[in-house]
PDB file of N, CA and C in Angstrom:
ATOM      1  N   MET A   1     -56.221  74.927  94.777  1.00  0.00           N
ATOM      2  CA  MET A   1     -57.019  74.259  94.341  1.00  0.00           C
ATOM      3  C   MET A   1     -58.399  73.981  95.641  1.00  0.00           C
ATOM      4  N   ASP A   2     -59.412  74.033  95.405  1.00  0.00           N
ATOM      5  CA  ASP A   2     -60.485  74.154  96.244  1.00  0.00           C
ATOM      6  C   ASP A   2     -61.186  73.023  96.401  1.00  0.00           C
ATOM      7  N   ILE A   3     -62.158  72.449  97.221  1.00  0.00           N
ATOM      8  CA  ILE A   3     -62.697  71.123  97.080  1.00  0.00           C
ATOM      9  C   ILE A   3     -63.641  71.152  96.092  1.00  0.00           C
ATOM     10  N   ARG A   4     -64.164  71.968  95.370  1.00  0.00           N
ATOM     11  CA  ARG A   4     -65.321  71.720  94.237  1.00  0.00           C
ATOM     12  C   ARG A   4     -64.183  71.539  93.211  1.00  0.00           C
ATOM     13  N   ARG A   5     -63.222  71.995  92.950  1.00  0.00           N
ATOM     14  CA  ARG A   5     -62.402  71.664  91.760  1.00  0.00           C
ATOM     15  C   ARG A   5     -61.597  70.238  92.014  1.00  0.00           C
ATOM     16  N   ILE A   6     -61.295  69.762  93.269  1.00  0.00           N
ATOM     17  CA  ILE A   6     -61.047  68.508  93.280  1.00  0.00           C
ATOM     18  C   ILE A   6     -62.303  67.467  93.215  1.00  0.00           C
ATOM     19  N   VAL A   7     -63.393  67.659  93.480  1.00  0.00           N
ATOM     20  CA  VAL A   7     -64.581  66.771  93.659  1.00  0.00           C
ATOM     21  C   VAL A   7     -64.826  66.838  91.860  1.00  0.00           C
ATOM     22  N   PHE A   8     -64.948  67.800  91.338  1.00  0.00           N
ATOM     23  CA  PHE A   8     -65.010  67.916  90.066  1.00  0.00           C
ATOM     24  C   PHE A   8     -63.953  66.902  88.922  1.00  0.00           C
ATOM     25  N   VAL A   9     -62.706  67.335  89.436  1.00  0.00           N
ATOM     26  CA  VAL A   9     -62.066  66.452  88.386  1.00  0.00           C
ATOM     27  C   VAL A   9     -61.993  64.670  88.877  1.00  0.00           C
ATOM     28  N   ILE A  10     -62.073  64.686  90.016  1.00  0.00           N
ATOM     29  CA  ILE A  10     -62.056  62.992  90.467  1.00  0.00           C
ATOM     30  C   ILE A  10     -63.423  62.660  89.555  1.00  0.00           C
ATOM     31  N   SER A  11     -64.879  63.481  89.850  1.00  0.00           N
ATOM     32  CA  SER A  11     -65.878  63.050  89.007  1.00  0.00           C
ATOM     33  C   SER A  11     -65.627  62.789  87.376  1.00  0.00           C
ATOM     34  N   PHE A  12     -65.200  63.692  87.112  1.00  0.00           N
ATOM     35  CA  PHE A  12     -64.877  63.732  85.287  1.00  0.00           C
ATOM     36  C   PHE A  12     -64.370  62.815  85.120  1.00  0.00           C
ATOM     37  N   ILE A  13     -63.328  62.488  85.692  1.00  0.00           N
ATOM     38  CA  ILE A  13     -62.114  61.393  85.295  1.00  0.00           C
ATOM     39  C   ILE A  13     -62.962  59.898  85.403  1.00  0.00           C
ATOM     40  N   SER A  14     -63.404  59.876  86.632  1.00  0.00           N
ATOM     41  CA  SER A  14     -64.086  58.481  86.953  1.00  0.00           C
ATOM     42  C   SER A  14     -65.083  58.255  85.709  1.00  0.00           C
ATOM     43  N   LEU A  15     -66.050  59.187  85.455  1.00  0.00           N
ATOM     44  CA  LEU A  15     -67.221  59.094  84.382  1.00  0.00           C
ATOM     45  C   LEU A  15     -66.585  58.917  82.908  1.00  0.00           C
ATOM     46  N   ASN A  16     -65.648  59.310  82.555  1.00  0.00           N
ATOM     47  CA  ASN A  16     -64.959  59.044  81.317  1.00  0.00           C
ATOM     48  C   ASN A  16     -64.252  57.924  80.986  1.00  0.00           C
ATOM     49  N   VAL A  17     -63.700  57.427  82.069  1.00  0.00           N
ATOM     50  CA  VAL A  17     -63.165  56.020  82.125  1.00  0.00           C
ATOM     51  C   VAL A  17     -64.294  55.038  81.958  1.00  0.00           C
ATOM     52  N   LEU A  18     -65.218  55.474  83.026  1.00  0.00           N
ATOM     53  CA  LEU A  18     -66.399  54.239  82.298  1.00  0.00           C
ATOM     54  C   LEU A  18     -67.081  54.385  81.338  1.00  0.00           C
ATOM     55  N   LEU A  19     -67.115  55.541  80.529  1.00  0.00           N
ATOM     56  CA  LEU A  19     -67.689  55.479  79.521  1.00  0.00           C
ATOM     57  C   LEU A  19     -67.168  55.194  78.268  1.00  0.00           C
ATOM     58  N   HIS A  20     -65.652  55.624  78.496  1.00  0.00           N
ATOM     59  CA  HIS A  20     -64.644  55.554  77.278  1.00  0.00           C
ATOM     60  C   HIS A  20     -63.619  54.269  77.732  1.00  0.00           C
ATOM     61  N   SER A  21     -63.937  53.022  77.569  1.00  0.00           N
ATOM     62  CA  SER A  21     -62.670  52.187  78.215  1.00  0.00           C
ATOM     63  C   SER A  21     -61.662  52.355  77.750  1.00  0.00           C
ATOM     64  N   LYS A  22     -61.540  52.575  76.421  1.00  0.00           N
ATOM     65  CA  LYS A  22     -60.102  52.681  76.004  1.00  0.00           C
ATOM     66  C   LYS A  22     -59.187  53.648  76.177  1.00  0.00           C
ATOM     67  N   VAL A  23     -59.995  55.112  77.247  1.00  0.00           N
ATOM     68  CA  VAL A  23     -59.283  55.746  77.706  1.00  0.00           C
ATOM     69  C   VAL A  23     -57.999  55.229  78.563  1.00  0.00           C
ATOM     70  N   LYS A  24     -56.669  55.859  77.993  1.00  0.00           N
ATOM     71  CA  LYS A  24     -55.652  55.019  79.193  1.00  0.00           C
ATOM     72  C   LYS A  24     -55.552  56.518  80.396  1.00  0.00           C
ATOM     73  N   VAL A  25     -55.351  57.532  79.853  1.00  0.00           N
ATOM     74  CA  VAL A  25     -55.035  58.445  80.878  1.00  0.00           C
ATOM     75  C   VAL A  25     -55.760  59.990  80.616  1.00  0.00           C
ATOM     76  N   GLN A  26     -55.914  60.849  81.596  1.00  0.00           N
ATOM     77  CA  GLN A  26     -56.222  62.024  80.932  1.00  0.00           C
ATOM     78  C   GLN A  26     -56.002  62.927  81.998  1.00  0.00           C
ATOM     79  N   VAL A  27     -55.358  64.007  81.367  1.00  0.00           N
ATOM     80  CA  VAL A  27     -54.572  65.041  82.392  1.00  0.00           C
ATOM     81  C   VAL A  27     -55.257  66.215  82.146  1.00  0.00           C
ATOM     82  N   LEU A  28     -55.878  66.865  83.263  1.00  0.00           N
ATOM     83  CA  LEU A  28     -56.289  68.435  83.094  1.00  0.00           C
ATOM     84  C   LEU A  28     -55.195  69.127  82.592  1.00  0.00           C
ATOM     85  N   ILE A  29     -55.402  69.843  81.551  1.00  0.00           N
ATOM     86  CA  ILE A  29     -54.955  70.829  81.010  1.00  0.00           C
ATOM     87  C   ILE A  29     -54.942  72.234  81.513  1.00  0.00           C
ATOM     88  N   SER A  30     -55.943  72.843  81.875  1.00  0.00           N
ATOM     89  CA  SER A  30     -56.525  74.040  81.974  1.00  0.00           C
ATOM     90  C   SER A  30     -57.967  74.132  82.363  1.00  0.00           C
ATOM     91  N   ASP A  31     -58.067  74.967  83.182  1.00  0.00           N
ATOM     92  CA  ASP A  31     -59.338  75.712  83.529  1.00  0.00           C
ATOM     93  C   ASP A  31     -59.538  76.906  83.813  1.00  0.00           C
ATOM     94  N   THR A  32     -60.633  77.384  83.207  1.00  0.00           N
ATOM     95  CA  THR A  32     -60.697  78.714  83.271  1.00  0.00           C
ATOM     96  C   THR A  32     -62.197  79.328  83.492  1.00  0.00           C
ATOM     97  N   LEU A  33     -61.974  80.176  84.452  1.00  0.00           N
ATOM     98  CA  LEU A  33     -63.618  80.491  84.925  1.00  0.00           C
ATOM     99  C   LEU A  33     -64.015  81.301  83.616  1.00  0.00           C
ATOM    100  N   ILE A  34     -65.198  81.164  83.103  1.00  0.00           N
ATOM    101  CA  ILE A  34     -65.901  81.855  82.023  1.00  0.00           C
ATOM    102  C   ILE A  34     -66.983  82.742  82.493  1.00  0.00           C
ATOM    103  N   ASN A  35     -67.548  82.412  83.556  1.00  0.00           N
ATOM    104  CA  ASN A  35     -68.677  83.224  84.044  1.00  0.00           C
ATOM    105  C   ASN A  35     -69.143  82.798  85.206  1.00  0.00           C
ATOM    106  N   SER A  36     -69.895  83.961  86.009  1.00  0.00           N
ATOM    107  CA  SER A  36     -70.251  83.531  87.657  1.00  0.00           C
ATOM    108  C   SER A  36     -71.826  84.175  87.492  1.00  0.00           C
ATOM    109  N   VAL A  37     -72.412  83.680  88.110  1.00  0.00           N
ATOM    110  CA  VAL A  37     -73.963  83.868  87.947  1.00  0.00           C
ATOM    111  C   VAL A  37     -74.415  83.949  89.782  1.00  0.00           C
ATOM    112  N   SER A  38     -74.940  84.917  90.047  1.00  0.00           N
ATOM    113  CA  SER A  38     -75.374  85.171  91.490  1.00  0.00           C
ATOM    114  C   SER A  38     -76.522  84.373  91.614  1.00  0.00           C
ATOM    115  N   GLN A  39     -77.020  84.048  92.940  1.00  0.00           N
ATOM    116  CA  GLN A  39     -78.056  83.668  93.181  1.00  0.00           C
ATOM    117  C   GLN A  39     -79.295  84.565  93.077  1.00  0.00           C
ATOM    118  N   LEU A  40     -79.192  85.645  93.044  1.00  0.00           N
ATOM    119  CA  LEU A  40     -80.157  86.590  92.859  1.00  0.00           C
ATOM    120  C   LEU A  40     -80.509  86.655  91.085  1.00  0.00           C
ATOM    121  N   GLU A  41     -79.484  86.729  90.273  1.00  0.00           N
ATOM    122  CA  GLU A  41     -79.560  86.197  89.155  1.00  0.00           C
ATOM    123  C   GLU A  41     -79.880  85.445  88.444  1.00  0.00           C
ATOM    124  N   LEU A  42     -79.866  84.119  88.801  1.00  0.00           N
ATOM    125  CA  LEU A  42     -80.280  82.742  88.620  1.00  0.00           C
ATOM    126  C   LEU A  42     -81.754  83.060  88.863  1.00  0.00           C
ATOM    127  N   ILE A  43     -82.250  83.672  90.112  1.00  0.00           N
ATOM    128  CA  ILE A  43     -83.828  83.672  90.296  1.00  0.00           C
ATOM    129  C   ILE A  43     -84.493  84.565  89.364  1.00  0.00           C
ATOM    130  N   GLU A  44     -83.938  85.735  88.910  1.00  0.00           N
ATOM    131  CA  GLU A  44     -84.506  86.391  88.279  1.00  0.00           C
ATOM    132  C   GLU A  44     -84.529  85.978  86.907  1.00  0.00           C
ATOM    133  N   MET A  45     -83.281  85.133  86.259  1.00  0.00           N
ATOM    134  CA  MET A  45     -83.426  84.647  84.992  1.00  0.00           C
ATOM    135  C   MET A  45     -84.345  83.564  84.745  1.00  0.00           C
ATOM    136  N   THR A  46     -84.492  82.749  86.340  1.00  0.00           N
ATOM    137  CA  THR A  46     -85.366  81.642  85.520  1.00  0.00           C
ATOM    138  C   THR A  46     -86.822  81.646  86.335  1.00  0.00           C
ATOM    139  N   SER A  47     -87.185  82.437  87.379  1.00  0.00           N
ATOM    140  CA  SER A  47     -88.382  82.942  87.779  1.00  0.00           C
ATOM    141  C   SER A  47     -88.455  81.672  88.901  1.00  0.00           C
ATOM    142  N   LEU A  48     -87.368  81.147  89.308  1.00  0.00           N
ATOM    143  CA  LEU A  48     -87.603  79.830  90.184  1.00  0.00           C
ATOM    144  C   LEU A  48     -87.111  80.316  91.837  1.00  0.00           C
ATOM    145  N   PRO A  49     -88.002  80.676  92.662  1.00  0.00           N
ATOM    146  CA  PRO A  49     -87.477  81.075  93.863  1.00  0.00           C
ATOM    147  C   PRO A  49     -86.515  80.201  94.876  1.00  0.00           C
ATOM    148  N   ILE A  50     -86.578  78.989  94.348  1.00  0.00           N
ATOM    149  CA  ILE A  50     -85.977  77.835  95.251  1.00  0.00           C
ATOM    150  C   ILE A  50     -84.661  77.706  94.653  1.00  0.00           C
ATOM    151  N   VAL A  51     -83.854  78.793  94.110  1.00  0.00           N
ATOM    152  CA  VAL A  51     -82.367  78.632  93.804  1.00  0.00           C
ATOM    153  C   VAL A  51     -81.822  79.175  95.152  1.00  0.00           C
ATOM    154  N   GLN A  52     -80.788  78.209  95.750  1.00  0.00           N
ATOM    155  CA  GLN A  52     -79.906  78.415  96.593  1.00  0.00           C
ATOM    156  C   GLN A  52     -78.683  79.003  96.644  1.00  0.00           C
ATOM    157  N   TYR A  53     -78.300  78.872  95.521  1.00  0.00           N
ATOM    158  CA  TYR A  53     -76.589  79.374  95.407  1.00  0.00           C
ATOM    159  C   TYR A  53     -76.690  79.836  93.941  1.00  0.00           C
ATOM    160  N   GLY A  54     -75.678  80.753  93.603  1.00  0.00           N
ATOM    161  CA  GLY A  54     -74.967  81.196  92.628  1.00  0.00           C
ATOM    162  C   GLY A  54     -74.170  80.148  92.185  1.00  0.00           C
ATOM    163  N   ILE A  55     -73.854  80.528  90.695  1.00  0.00           N
ATOM    164  CA  ILE A  55     -73.145  79.490  90.056  1.00  0.00           C
ATOM    165  C   ILE A  55     -71.822  79.944  89.312  1.00  0.00           C
ATOM    166  N   ASP A  56     -70.512  78.766  89.338  1.00  0.00           N
ATOM    167  CA  ASP A  56     -69.328  79.247  88.449  1.00  0.00           C
ATOM    168  C   ASP A  56     -69.442  78.426  87.216  1.00  0.00           C
ATOM    169  N   ALA A  57     -68.944  79.067  86.245  1.00  0.00           N
ATOM    170  CA  ALA A  57     -69.035  78.241  84.729  1.00  0.00           C
ATOM    171  C   ALA A  57     -67.354  78.308  84.628  1.00  0.00           C
ATOM    172  N   TYR A  58     -66.926  77.086  84.142  1.00  0.00           N
ATOM    173  CA  TYR A  58     -65.229  76.789  84.090  1.00  0.00           C
ATOM    174  C   TYR A  58     -65.584  76.095  82.527  1.00  0.00           C
ATOM    175  N   LYS A  59     -64.564  76.528  81.537  1.00  0.00           N
ATOM    176  CA  LYS A  59     -64.146  75.879  80.552  1.00  0.00           C
ATOM    177  C   LYS A  59     -63.001  75.232  80.909  1.00  0.00           C
ATOM    178  N   ILE A  60     -63.123  73.555  80.641  1.00  0.00           N
ATOM    179  CA  ILE A  60     -61.693  72.962  80.705  1.00  0.00           C
ATOM    180  C   ILE A  60     -61.226  72.312  79.560  1.00  0.00           C
ATOM    181  N   GLN A  61     -59.792  71.983  79.558  1.00  0.00           N
ATOM    182  CA  GLN A  61     -59.337  71.455  78.554  1.00  0.00           C
ATOM    183  C   GLN A  61     -58.155  70.268  78.975  1.00  0.00           C
ATOM    184  N   TYR A  62     -58.258  69.184  78.747  1.00  0.00           N
ATOM    185  CA  TYR A  62     -57.718  68.029  79.189  1.00  0.00           C
ATOM    186  C   TYR A  62     -57.031  67.151  78.099  1.00  0.00           C
ATOM    187  N   LEU A  63     -56.120  66.745  78.520  1.00  0.00           N
ATOM    188  CA  LEU A  63     -55.681  65.494  77.172  1.00  0.00           C
ATOM    189  C   LEU A  63     -56.189  64.011  77.584  1.00  0.00           C
ATOM    190  N   THR A  64     -56.460  63.537  76.385  1.00  0.00           N
ATOM    191  CA  THR A  64     -57.362  62.325  76.745  1.00  0.00           C
ATOM    192  C   THR A  64     -56.742  61.459  75.535  1.00  0.00           C
ATOM    193  N   ASN A  65     -57.334  60.138  75.231  1.00  0.00           N
ATOM    194  CA  ASN A  65     -57.040  59.764  73.996  1.00  0.00           C
ATOM    195  C   ASN A  65     -58.565  59.619  73.159  1.00  0.00           C
ATOM    196  N   ASP A  66     -58.054  59.515  71.780  1.00  0.00           N
ATOM    197  CA  ASP A  66     -59.313  59.361  71.099  1.00  0.00           C
ATOM    198  C   ASP A  66     -59.433  57.858  70.654  1.00  0.00           C
ATOM    199  N   ILE A  67     -60.623  57.511  69.982  1.00  0.00           N
ATOM    200  CA  ILE A  67     -61.213  56.153  69.931  1.00  0.00           C
ATOM    201  C   ILE A  67     -59.985  55.295  68.965  1.00  0.00           C
ATOM    202  N   ASN A  68     -58.809  55.862  68.621  1.00  0.00           N
ATOM    203  CA  ASN A  68     -57.527  55.331  67.978  1.00  0.00           C
ATOM    204  C   ASN A  68     -56.471  54.989  68.903  1.00  0.00           C
ATOM    205  N   GLY A  69     -56.902  55.702  70.212  1.00  0.00           N
ATOM    206  CA  GLY A  69     -55.705  55.507  71.139  1.00  0.00           C
ATOM    207  C   GLY A  69     -54.746  56.783  71.346  1.00  0.00           C
ATOM    208  N   ASP A  70     -54.951  57.314  70.006  1.00  0.00           N
ATOM    209  CA  ASP A  70     -53.867  58.782  69.925  1.00  0.00           C
ATOM    210  C   ASP A  70     -54.480  59.788  70.821  1.00  0.00           C
ATOM    211  N   GLU A  71     -53.402  60.490  71.427  1.00  0.00           N
ATOM    212  CA  GLU A  71     -53.424  61.615  72.081  1.00  0.00           C
ATOM    213  C   GLU A  71     -54.276  62.782  71.604  1.00  0.00           C
ATOM    214  N   SER A  72     -55.218  63.338  72.270  1.00  0.00           N
ATOM    215  CA  SER A  72     -56.039  64.350  71.888  1.00  0.00           C
ATOM    216  C   SER A  72     -56.168  65.239  73.098  1.00  0.00           C
ATOM    217  N   ILE A  73     -56.501  66.830  72.474  1.00  0.00           N
ATOM    218  CA  ILE A  73     -57.128  67.530  73.681  1.00  0.00           C
ATOM    219  C   ILE A  73     -58.608  67.714  73.404  1.00  0.00           C
ATOM    220  N   ALA A  74     -59.441  67.586  74.513  1.00  0.00           N
ATOM    221  CA  ALA A  74     -60.543  67.614  74.914  1.00  0.00           C
ATOM    222  C   ALA A  74     -60.732  68.816  75.339  1.00  0.00           C
ATOM    223  N   SER A  75     -62.056  69.324  75.414  1.00  0.00           N
ATOM    224  CA  SER A  75     -62.724  70.131  76.099  1.00  0.00           C
ATOM    225  C   SER A  75     -64.063  70.233  76.771  1.00  0.00           C
ATOM    226  N   GLY A  76     -64.276  70.839  77.700  1.00  0.00           N
ATOM    227  CA  GLY A  76     -65.968  70.874  78.062  1.00  0.00           C
ATOM    228  C   GLY A  76     -66.213  72.049  79.072  1.00  0.00           C
ATOM    229  N   LEU A  77     -67.524  72.353  79.668  1.00  0.00           N
ATOM    230  CA  LEU A  77     -67.787  73.148  80.312  1.00  0.00           C
ATOM    231  C   LEU A  77     -68.463  72.656  81.643  1.00  0.00           C
ATOM    232  N   ILE A  78     -67.852  72.704  82.786  1.00  0.00           N
ATOM    233  CA  ILE A  78     -68.315  72.579  84.003  1.00  0.00           C
ATOM    234  C   ILE A  78     -69.054  73.983  84.717  1.00  0.00           C
ATOM    235  N   VAL A  79     -70.171  73.497  85.564  1.00  0.00           N
ATOM    236  CA  VAL A  79     -71.099  74.444  86.197  1.00  0.00           C
ATOM    237  C   VAL A  79     -70.928  74.068  87.876  1.00  0.00           C
ATOM    238  N   VAL A  80     -70.487  74.580  88.393  1.00  0.00           N
ATOM    239  CA  VAL A  80     -70.623  74.050  90.032  1.00  0.00           C
ATOM    240  C   VAL A  80     -71.022  75.637  90.916  1.00  0.00           C
ATOM    241  N   PRO A  81     -71.907  74.896  92.165  1.00  0.00           N
ATOM    242  CA  PRO A  81     -72.394  76.116  92.978  1.00  0.00           C
ATOM    243  C   PRO A  81     -71.234  77.174  93.530  1.00  0.00           C
ATOM    244  N   SER A  82     -71.603  78.292  93.476  1.00  0.00           N
ATOM    245  CA  SER A  82     -70.587  79.068  93.648  1.00  0.00           C
ATOM    246  C   SER A  82     -70.311  79.176  95.421  1.00  0.00           C
ATOM    247  N   ASN A  83     -71.177  78.668  96.030  1.00  0.00           N
ATOM    248  CA  ASN A  83     -71.029  78.831  97.635  1.00  0.00           C
ATOM    249  C   ASN A  83     -70.239  77.236  98.001  1.00  0.00           C
ATOM    250  N   ASN A  84     -69.112  77.680  98.432  1.00  0.00           N
ATOM    251  CA  ASN A  84     -68.110  76.852  99.126  1.00  0.00           C
ATOM    252  C   ASN A  84     -68.920  76.010 100.055  1.00  0.00           C
ATOM    253  N   ASN A  85     -69.974  76.269 100.894  1.00  0.00           N
ATOM    254  CA  ASN A  85     -70.579  75.666 102.226  1.00  0.00           C
ATOM    255  C   ASN A  85     -71.388  74.887 101.533  1.00  0.00           C
ATOM    256  N   CYS A  86     -72.157  74.979 100.337  1.00  0.00           N
ATOM    257  CA  CYS A  86     -73.195  74.100  99.992  1.00  0.00           C
ATOM    258  C   CYS A  86     -73.153  72.799 100.563  1.00  0.00           C
ATOM    259  N   SER A  87     -73.969  71.622 100.731  1.00  0.00           N
ATOM    260  CA  SER A  87     -74.074  70.323 100.779  1.00  0.00           C
ATOM    261  C   SER A  87     -73.924  69.857  99.155  1.00  0.00           C
ATOM    262  N   TRP A  88     -73.251  68.392  99.337  1.00  0.00           N
ATOM    263  CA  TRP A  88     -73.180  67.733  98.374  1.00  0.00           C
ATOM    264  C   TRP A  88     -74.066  66.682  98.294  1.00  0.00           C
ATOM    265  N   GLY A  89     -74.905  66.656  99.280  1.00  0.00           N
ATOM    266  CA  GLY A  89     -75.541  65.459  99.293  1.00  0.00           C
ATOM    267  C   GLY A  89     -77.116  65.346  99.668  1.00  0.00           C
TER     268      GLY A  89
END
């Protein structure tokens, strides 16, 4: 598991715990790379020459609790820079 995935999972779980105080536990079930777009492709799509990195888009599924406290499978989309050396701050 690379550092981007670890940072994402920790951030994602932390954010959801804050937003949904009834959530008891969240477990990542799967993460699937669904698309990668290079820096050049992003520049061409957006006409923004300031784009510094490409992106990787992942579909995630995770186990969580619904508003009644019952276990439920939820999903989401996460997009991260495709460059392992990019700065996060």
